[in-house]
Amino acid sequence: MIVFLLVFGMCLVTMIPRIIPVFIVDRIQFPNWVSSWLKGVPYAALGALIFPGILSVQKGNMSVGLIGGLVAIILALLRLHIIFVVFGAIGTVLVMKLYFI
């Protein structure tokens, strides 16, 4: 029982700070510059997730990862949906590993 209460308490402690901003953001009208900045957050997060893997896609050959990262950057600059950016980069790395290396 004590373990259940501990897990439930930890759930509440982490859930409350995550839920409160959801209700606050709906009621606030942000300036245009904040809204445009927030639209860039998914692409920044994508970059932070992809970059460490870019350098370690294939040992001894960083060009595969760098080209995949370049494709991701180009697709993001074209303002494609983030799913297409991810699949485009993954597809590029897959094709390079299968056919060119």
N, C-alpha and C. Protein backbone atom coordinates (compact mmCIF):
# COMPACT_ATOMS: atom_id res chain seq x y z
N MET A 1 0.82 -1.20 0.00
CA MET A 1 0.00 0.00 0.00
C MET A 1 0.86 1.26 0.00
N ILE A 2 1.97 1.22 0.74
CA ILE A 2 2.82 2.39 0.83
C ILE A 2 3.46 2.70 -0.53
N VAL A 3 3.78 1.63 -1.29
CA VAL A 3 4.36 1.83 -2.61
C VAL A 3 3.35 2.48 -3.53
N PHE A 4 2.10 2.04 -3.46
CA PHE A 4 1.06 2.64 -4.28
C PHE A 4 0.90 4.12 -3.95
N LEU A 5 0.89 4.46 -2.69
CA LEU A 5 0.77 5.87 -2.29
C LEU A 5 1.97 6.69 -2.76
N LEU A 6 3.16 6.11 -2.71
CA LEU A 6 4.34 6.81 -3.20
C LEU A 6 4.26 7.07 -4.70
N VAL A 7 3.85 6.07 -5.45
CA VAL A 7 3.72 6.22 -6.89
C VAL A 7 2.64 7.25 -7.21
N PHE A 8 1.52 7.18 -6.52
CA PHE A 8 0.44 8.14 -6.73
C PHE A 8 0.89 9.56 -6.40
N GLY A 9 1.63 9.73 -5.31
CA GLY A 9 2.15 11.05 -4.93
C GLY A 9 3.14 11.58 -5.96
N MET A 10 4.01 10.73 -6.45
CA MET A 10 4.97 11.17 -7.47
C MET A 10 4.25 11.53 -8.76
N CYS A 11 3.18 10.81 -9.06
CA CYS A 11 2.38 11.12 -10.25
C CYS A 11 1.78 12.52 -10.13
N LEU A 12 1.21 12.82 -8.99
CA LEU A 12 0.62 14.15 -8.77
C LEU A 12 1.67 15.25 -8.84
N VAL A 13 2.82 15.00 -8.23
CA VAL A 13 3.87 16.03 -8.20
C VAL A 13 4.36 16.35 -9.60
N THR A 14 4.46 15.36 -10.48
CA THR A 14 4.92 15.64 -11.83
C THR A 14 3.78 16.09 -12.75
N MET A 15 2.55 15.68 -12.45
CA MET A 15 1.43 16.02 -13.31
C MET A 15 0.99 17.47 -13.14
N ILE A 16 0.98 17.97 -11.95
CA ILE A 16 0.48 19.33 -11.69
C ILE A 16 1.25 20.39 -12.46
N PRO A 17 2.60 20.41 -12.42
CA PRO A 17 3.30 21.44 -13.20
C PRO A 17 3.14 21.28 -14.71
N ARG A 18 2.76 20.12 -15.17
CA ARG A 18 2.56 19.93 -16.61
C ARG A 18 1.15 20.33 -17.05
N ILE A 19 0.17 20.20 -16.18
CA ILE A 19 -1.21 20.50 -16.55
C ILE A 19 -1.52 21.99 -16.39
N ILE A 20 -0.97 22.63 -15.40
CA ILE A 20 -1.28 24.04 -15.14
C ILE A 20 -1.00 24.92 -16.36
N PRO A 21 0.15 24.80 -17.05
CA PRO A 21 0.36 25.65 -18.23
C PRO A 21 -0.65 25.43 -19.34
N VAL A 22 -1.20 24.23 -19.44
CA VAL A 22 -2.19 23.97 -20.49
C VAL A 22 -3.41 24.86 -20.30
N PHE A 23 -3.86 25.03 -19.07
CA PHE A 23 -5.03 25.86 -18.82
C PHE A 23 -4.69 27.35 -18.90
N ILE A 24 -3.48 27.72 -18.56
CA ILE A 24 -3.09 29.13 -18.60
C ILE A 24 -2.88 29.61 -20.04
N VAL A 25 -2.27 28.78 -20.88
CA VAL A 25 -1.96 29.18 -22.25
C VAL A 25 -3.22 29.45 -23.05
N ASP A 26 -4.28 28.72 -22.80
CA ASP A 26 -5.53 28.93 -23.53
C ASP A 26 -6.16 30.29 -23.25
N ARG A 27 -5.89 30.86 -22.12
CA ARG A 27 -6.54 32.12 -21.73
C ARG A 27 -5.69 33.35 -22.03
N ILE A 28 -4.45 33.16 -22.40
CA ILE A 28 -3.55 34.29 -22.65
C ILE A 28 -3.42 34.52 -24.15
N GLN A 29 -3.48 35.78 -24.57
CA GLN A 29 -3.25 36.15 -25.95
C GLN A 29 -1.81 36.63 -26.07
N PHE A 30 -0.98 35.83 -26.73
CA PHE A 30 0.43 36.16 -26.87
C PHE A 30 0.64 37.17 -27.99
N PRO A 31 1.70 37.99 -27.88
CA PRO A 31 2.06 38.85 -29.01
C PRO A 31 2.50 37.99 -30.21
N ASN A 32 2.51 38.60 -31.38
CA ASN A 32 2.84 37.85 -32.60
C ASN A 32 4.24 37.25 -32.55
N TRP A 33 5.20 37.98 -31.97
CA TRP A 33 6.57 37.46 -31.95
C TRP A 33 6.68 36.23 -31.05
N VAL A 34 5.88 36.18 -29.97
CA VAL A 34 5.90 35.00 -29.10
C VAL A 34 5.27 33.81 -29.82
N SER A 35 4.18 34.06 -30.52
CA SER A 35 3.51 32.99 -31.26
C SER A 35 4.42 32.41 -32.34
N SER A 36 5.12 33.28 -33.06
CA SER A 36 6.02 32.77 -34.10
C SER A 36 7.21 32.03 -33.47
N TRP A 37 7.65 32.48 -32.31
CA TRP A 37 8.74 31.78 -31.61
C TRP A 37 8.28 30.40 -31.16
N LEU A 38 7.06 30.30 -30.64
CA LEU A 38 6.53 29.02 -30.19
C LEU A 38 6.35 28.03 -31.34
N LYS A 39 6.08 28.54 -32.54
CA LYS A 39 5.95 27.65 -33.69
C LYS A 39 7.27 27.01 -34.06
N GLY A 40 8.38 27.61 -33.67
CA GLY A 40 9.69 27.05 -33.96
C GLY A 40 10.17 26.02 -32.96
N VAL A 41 9.47 25.88 -31.84
CA VAL A 41 9.89 24.96 -30.78
C VAL A 41 9.95 23.50 -31.26
N PRO A 42 8.96 23.00 -32.03
CA PRO A 42 9.08 21.60 -32.47
C PRO A 42 10.32 21.34 -33.32
N TYR A 43 10.69 22.31 -34.17
CA TYR A 43 11.86 22.13 -35.01
C TYR A 43 13.14 22.19 -34.17
N ALA A 44 13.17 23.04 -33.16
CA ALA A 44 14.33 23.09 -32.27
C ALA A 44 14.46 21.79 -31.48
N ALA A 45 13.34 21.27 -31.03
CA ALA A 45 13.37 19.99 -30.30
C ALA A 45 13.82 18.87 -31.22
N LEU A 46 13.36 18.89 -32.45
CA LEU A 46 13.77 17.89 -33.42
C LEU A 46 15.28 17.96 -33.64
N GLY A 47 15.81 19.16 -33.75
CA GLY A 47 17.25 19.32 -33.93
C GLY A 47 18.03 18.79 -32.74
N ALA A 48 17.54 19.06 -31.55
CA ALA A 48 18.22 18.59 -30.34
C ALA A 48 18.17 17.07 -30.23
N LEU A 49 17.11 16.46 -30.72
CA LEU A 49 17.01 15.01 -30.68
C LEU A 49 17.84 14.33 -31.76
N ILE A 50 17.92 14.95 -32.92
CA ILE A 50 18.60 14.32 -34.05
C ILE A 50 20.11 14.51 -33.99
N PHE A 51 20.59 15.65 -33.55
CA PHE A 51 22.02 15.98 -33.69
C PHE A 51 22.96 14.96 -33.07
N PRO A 52 22.74 14.46 -31.85
CA PRO A 52 23.68 13.46 -31.33
C PRO A 52 23.73 12.19 -32.19
N GLY A 53 22.62 11.82 -32.77
CA GLY A 53 22.60 10.64 -33.62
C GLY A 53 23.23 10.86 -34.98
N ILE A 54 23.27 12.12 -35.43
CA ILE A 54 23.87 12.43 -36.72
C ILE A 54 25.34 12.02 -36.75
N LEU A 55 26.02 12.27 -35.66
CA LEU A 55 27.45 12.01 -35.62
C LEU A 55 27.78 10.54 -35.40
N SER A 56 26.80 9.74 -35.03
CA SER A 56 27.09 8.34 -34.73
C SER A 56 26.21 7.34 -35.49
N VAL A 57 25.74 7.73 -36.67
CA VAL A 57 24.90 6.83 -37.46
C VAL A 57 25.70 5.61 -37.90
N GLN A 58 26.89 5.86 -38.41
CA GLN A 58 27.72 4.78 -38.89
C GLN A 58 29.16 5.07 -38.47
N LYS A 59 29.77 4.12 -37.78
CA LYS A 59 31.13 4.33 -37.30
C LYS A 59 32.09 4.48 -38.47
N GLY A 60 32.94 5.50 -38.36
CA GLY A 60 33.95 5.73 -39.39
C GLY A 60 33.44 6.49 -40.60
N ASN A 61 32.15 6.79 -40.67
CA ASN A 61 31.61 7.50 -41.82
C ASN A 61 30.50 8.45 -41.36
N MET A 62 30.90 9.67 -41.02
CA MET A 62 29.91 10.64 -40.55
C MET A 62 29.09 11.25 -41.67
N SER A 63 29.49 11.03 -42.93
CA SER A 63 28.78 11.66 -44.04
C SER A 63 27.34 11.19 -44.14
N VAL A 64 27.07 9.95 -43.77
CA VAL A 64 25.70 9.43 -43.82
C VAL A 64 24.80 10.25 -42.90
N GLY A 65 25.23 10.43 -41.68
CA GLY A 65 24.44 11.19 -40.72
C GLY A 65 24.35 12.66 -41.07
N LEU A 66 25.44 13.22 -41.57
CA LEU A 66 25.43 14.64 -41.93
C LEU A 66 24.48 14.91 -43.09
N ILE A 67 24.45 14.02 -44.07
CA ILE A 67 23.53 14.20 -45.20
C ILE A 67 22.08 14.03 -44.74
N GLY A 68 21.83 13.07 -43.86
CA GLY A 68 20.49 12.92 -43.30
C GLY A 68 20.06 14.14 -42.51
N GLY A 69 20.98 14.71 -41.74
CA GLY A 69 20.69 15.94 -41.01
C GLY A 69 20.45 17.11 -41.93
N LEU A 70 21.21 17.18 -43.01
CA LEU A 70 21.02 18.26 -44.00
C LEU A 70 19.64 18.16 -44.65
N VAL A 71 19.23 16.94 -44.95
CA VAL A 71 17.88 16.74 -45.52
C VAL A 71 16.82 17.19 -44.51
N ALA A 72 17.02 16.87 -43.24
CA ALA A 72 16.06 17.30 -42.22
C ALA A 72 15.99 18.82 -42.13
N ILE A 73 17.14 19.48 -42.20
CA ILE A 73 17.16 20.95 -42.14
C ILE A 73 16.44 21.54 -43.34
N ILE A 74 16.70 20.99 -44.53
CA ILE A 74 16.06 21.51 -45.75
C ILE A 74 14.54 21.33 -45.68
N LEU A 75 14.11 20.15 -45.26
CA LEU A 75 12.66 19.91 -45.17
C LEU A 75 12.01 20.80 -44.11
N ALA A 76 12.73 21.06 -43.02
CA ALA A 76 12.18 21.95 -41.98
C ALA A 76 12.10 23.38 -42.49
N LEU A 77 13.10 23.80 -43.27
CA LEU A 77 13.07 25.15 -43.83
C LEU A 77 11.94 25.32 -44.85
N LEU A 78 11.55 24.23 -45.48
CA LEU A 78 10.43 24.26 -46.41
C LEU A 78 9.09 24.26 -45.69
N ARG A 79 9.14 24.24 -44.35
CA ARG A 79 7.96 24.29 -43.48
C ARG A 79 7.05 23.08 -43.66
N LEU A 80 7.66 21.93 -43.93
CA LEU A 80 6.86 20.70 -43.99
C LEU A 80 6.49 20.28 -42.57
N HIS A 81 5.47 19.47 -42.48
CA HIS A 81 5.05 18.95 -41.18
C HIS A 81 6.20 18.15 -40.59
N ILE A 82 6.31 18.15 -39.28
CA ILE A 82 7.45 17.54 -38.59
C ILE A 82 7.56 16.04 -38.87
N ILE A 83 6.45 15.38 -39.13
CA ILE A 83 6.47 13.96 -39.46
C ILE A 83 7.21 13.74 -40.78
N PHE A 84 6.98 14.63 -41.78
CA PHE A 84 7.66 14.49 -43.05
C PHE A 84 9.15 14.77 -42.92
N VAL A 85 9.50 15.69 -42.03
CA VAL A 85 10.91 15.98 -41.77
C VAL A 85 11.60 14.75 -41.19
N VAL A 86 10.98 14.14 -40.22
CA VAL A 86 11.56 12.96 -39.58
C VAL A 86 11.67 11.81 -40.57
N PHE A 87 10.59 11.51 -41.28
CA PHE A 87 10.62 10.40 -42.23
C PHE A 87 11.56 10.68 -43.40
N GLY A 88 11.66 11.93 -43.81
CA GLY A 88 12.60 12.28 -44.88
C GLY A 88 14.04 12.03 -44.48
N ALA A 89 14.39 12.41 -43.25
CA ALA A 89 15.76 12.18 -42.77
C ALA A 89 16.02 10.69 -42.59
N ILE A 90 15.07 9.98 -42.02
CA ILE A 90 15.24 8.53 -41.82
C ILE A 90 15.36 7.82 -43.17
N GLY A 91 14.53 8.20 -44.11
CA GLY A 91 14.59 7.59 -45.44
C GLY A 91 15.90 7.86 -46.14
N THR A 92 16.42 9.07 -46.01
CA THR A 92 17.70 9.40 -46.63
C THR A 92 18.82 8.57 -46.05
N VAL A 93 18.86 8.44 -44.73
CA VAL A 93 19.90 7.64 -44.09
C VAL A 93 19.75 6.17 -44.50
N LEU A 94 18.54 5.67 -44.56
CA LEU A 94 18.31 4.29 -44.94
C LEU A 94 18.79 4.03 -46.36
N VAL A 95 18.43 4.90 -47.28
CA VAL A 95 18.85 4.74 -48.67
C VAL A 95 20.37 4.80 -48.79
N MET A 96 21.00 5.73 -48.10
CA MET A 96 22.46 5.85 -48.16
C MET A 96 23.14 4.62 -47.59
N LYS A 97 22.62 4.09 -46.47
CA LYS A 97 23.25 2.92 -45.86
C LYS A 97 23.05 1.66 -46.73
N LEU A 98 21.92 1.56 -47.41
CA LEU A 98 21.63 0.37 -48.21
C LEU A 98 22.33 0.38 -49.57
N TYR A 99 22.38 1.55 -50.21
CA TYR A 99 22.82 1.57 -51.60
C TYR A 99 24.17 2.23 -51.86
N PHE A 100 24.59 3.12 -50.97
CA PHE A 100 25.81 3.88 -51.27
C PHE A 100 26.99 3.52 -50.37
N ILE A 101 26.77 2.85 -49.29
CA ILE A 101 27.87 2.56 -48.37
C ILE A 101 28.10 1.07 -48.31
